[in-house]
C-alpha atoms as a PDB file:
ATOM      1  CA  MET A   1     116.215 143.858 117.622  1.00  0.00           C
ATOM      2  CA  GLN A   2     117.084 140.900 115.036  1.00  0.00           C
ATOM      3  CA  PRO A   3     120.818 139.938 115.400  1.00  0.00           C
ATOM      4  CA  ASP A   4     121.091 139.393 111.246  1.00  0.00           C
ATOM      5  CA  CYS A   5     120.655 143.149 111.289  1.00  0.00           C
ATOM      6  CA  VAL A   6     121.966 144.809 114.638  1.00  0.00           C
ATOM      7  CA  THR A   7     125.472 146.166 112.497  1.00  0.00           C
ATOM      8  CA  CYS A   8     123.624 148.520 110.489  1.00  0.00           C
ATOM      9  CA  HIS A   9     120.652 149.332 112.427  1.00  0.00           C
ATOM     10  CA  VAL A  10     121.908 150.792 115.478  1.00  0.00           C
ATOM     11  CA  THR A  11     125.291 152.984 117.286  1.00  0.00           C
ATOM     12  CA  GLY A  12     128.689 151.227 118.277  1.00  0.00           C
ATOM     13  CA  PHE A  13     128.148 147.561 118.716  1.00  0.00           C
ATOM     14  CA  GLY A  14     131.182 145.830 119.276  1.00  0.00           C
ATOM     15  CA  TYR A  15     132.437 148.345 121.252  1.00  0.00           C
ATOM     16  CA  PRO A  16     132.947 148.578 125.299  1.00  0.00           C
ATOM     17  CA  THR A  17     130.510 152.142 125.349  1.00  0.00           C
ATOM     18  CA  GLY A  18     128.729 150.944 121.604  1.00  0.00           C
ATOM     19  CA  PHE A  19     125.149 149.281 121.239  1.00  0.00           C
ATOM     20  CA  ARG A  20     124.721 145.674 123.303  1.00  0.00           C
ATOM     21  CA  ILE A  21     121.832 142.894 122.138  1.00  0.00           C
ATOM     22  CA  GLY A  22     120.283 142.905 125.958  1.00  0.00           C
ATOM     23  CA  GLN A  23     120.299 146.100 127.559  1.00  0.00           C
ATOM     24  CA  ASP A  24     117.923 149.193 127.303  1.00  0.00           C
ATOM     25  CA  ALA A  25     120.448 151.305 124.675  1.00  0.00           C
ATOM     26  CA  GLU A  26     117.397 153.419 123.536  1.00  0.00           C
ATOM     27  CA  SER A  27     119.916 156.408 122.533  1.00  0.00           C
ATOM     28  CA  LEU A  28     122.383 153.839 120.792  1.00  0.00           C
ATOM     29  CA  ALA A  29     119.745 152.361 118.557  1.00  0.00           C
ATOM     30  CA  ASP A  30     118.529 153.618 115.428  1.00  0.00           C
ATOM     31  CA  VAL A  31     121.329 154.849 112.599  1.00  0.00           C
ATOM     32  CA  GLN A  32     122.601 157.820 113.878  1.00  0.00           C
ATOM     33  CA  CYS A  33     126.068 159.895 112.553  1.00  0.00           C
ATOM     34  CA  GLU A  34     127.924 157.411 114.156  1.00  0.00           C
ATOM     35  CA  VAL A  35     127.486 153.924 111.589  1.00  0.00           C
ATOM     36  CA  CYS A  36     128.886 156.180 108.536  1.00  0.00           C
ATOM     37  CA  HIS A  37     130.832 159.362 110.301  1.00  0.00           C
ATOM     38  CA  GLY A  38     133.040 156.924 112.901  1.00  0.00           C
ATOM     39  CA  PRO A  39     132.997 157.802 116.546  1.00  0.00           C
ATOM     40  CA  GLY A  40     132.198 160.997 117.156  1.00  0.00           C
ATOM     41  CA  GLY A  41     133.461 161.999 121.049  1.00  0.00           C
ATOM     42  CA  GLN A  42     136.684 163.767 120.537  1.00  0.00           C
ATOM     43  CA  HIS A  43     134.404 165.229 117.587  1.00  0.00           C
ATOM     44  CA  ALA A  44     131.554 166.474 119.632  1.00  0.00           C
ATOM     45  CA  ARG A  45     134.566 167.877 122.455  1.00  0.00           C
ATOM     46  CA  ARG A  46     136.481 169.160 119.733  1.00  0.00           C
ATOM     47  CA  PRO A  47     135.400 170.053 115.760  1.00  0.00           C
ATOM     48  CA  GLU A  48     137.050 169.704 113.291  1.00  0.00           C
ATOM     49  CA  PRO A  49     137.023 167.665 109.889  1.00  0.00           C
ATOM     50  CA  ARG A  50     140.229 165.887 111.142  1.00  0.00           C
ATOM     51  CA  ASN A  51     138.428 164.024 113.890  1.00  0.00           C
ATOM     52  CA  ILE A  52     135.577 162.289 111.864  1.00  0.00           C
ATOM     53  CA  ARG A  53     135.125 161.043 108.739  1.00  0.00           C
ATOM     54  CA  ARG A  54     133.496 163.495 106.524  1.00  0.00           C
ATOM     55  CA  ARG A  55     133.220 161.284 103.069  1.00  0.00           C
ATOM     56  CA  PRO A  56     132.534 157.704 104.639  1.00  0.00           C
ATOM     57  CA  PRO A  57     134.355 155.810 101.144  1.00  0.00           C
ATOM     58  CA  LYS A  58     131.570 153.686  99.625  1.00  0.00           C
ATOM     59  CA  ASN A  59     132.725 150.374 100.179  1.00  0.00           C
ATOM     60  CA  LEU A  60     132.047 151.415 103.672  1.00  0.00           C
ATOM     61  CA  CYS A  61     128.910 152.455 102.878  1.00  0.00           C
ATOM     62  CA  GLN A  62     128.724 148.835 100.729  1.00  0.00           C
ATOM     63  CA  ARG A  63     128.706 146.953 104.488  1.00  0.00           C
ATOM     64  CA  CYS A  64     125.311 147.652 104.661  1.00  0.00           C
ATOM     65  CA  HIS A  65     123.832 148.585 101.495  1.00  0.00           C
ATOM     66  CA  ASP A  66     124.777 145.756  99.885  1.00  0.00           C
ATOM     67  CA  ALA A  67     123.253 144.841  96.807  1.00  0.00           C
ATOM     68  CA  ASN A  68     120.012 142.395  98.113  1.00  0.00           C
ATOM     69  CA  GLN A  69     119.622 145.470 100.463  1.00  0.00           C
ATOM     70  CA  THR A  70     119.449 148.479  98.114  1.00  0.00           C
ATOM     71  CA  THR A  71     119.532 146.970  94.226  1.00  0.00           C
ATOM     72  CA  ASP A  72     120.199 150.543  92.882  1.00  0.00           C
ATOM     73  CA  PHE A  73     123.531 152.224  94.651  1.00  0.00           C
ATOM     74  CA  ASP A  74     126.048 152.312  92.164  1.00  0.00           C
ATOM     75  CA  ALA A  75     124.029 154.601  90.549  1.00  0.00           C
ATOM     76  CA  ASP A  76     121.732 156.408  93.744  1.00  0.00           C
ATOM     77  CA  PHE A  77     125.047 156.636  95.261  1.00  0.00           C
ATOM     78  CA  GLU A  78     125.988 160.625  95.076  1.00  0.00           C
ATOM     79  CA  HIS A  79     122.405 161.417  95.935  1.00  0.00           C
ATOM     80  CA  MET A  80     122.401 159.439  98.774  1.00  0.00           C
ATOM     81  CA  LEU A  81     125.846 160.878 100.470  1.00  0.00           C
END
């Protein structure tokens, strides 16, 4: 895992129970639900719309889908959701 890519391509980086560089954490590797929808532990225990980010705001998506990464982001945003 490249350090420049880790924040967009793993789950929970920077959180105590999240992905850590150098740690064997295959279950947290790759882009997963929590990257966009937020921590899901509480939602898994009690599935309610109020304890998960159902529709991520555009500016959250642009943290990873910036102008260099996704050149047609504005045109395709609704489709990507």
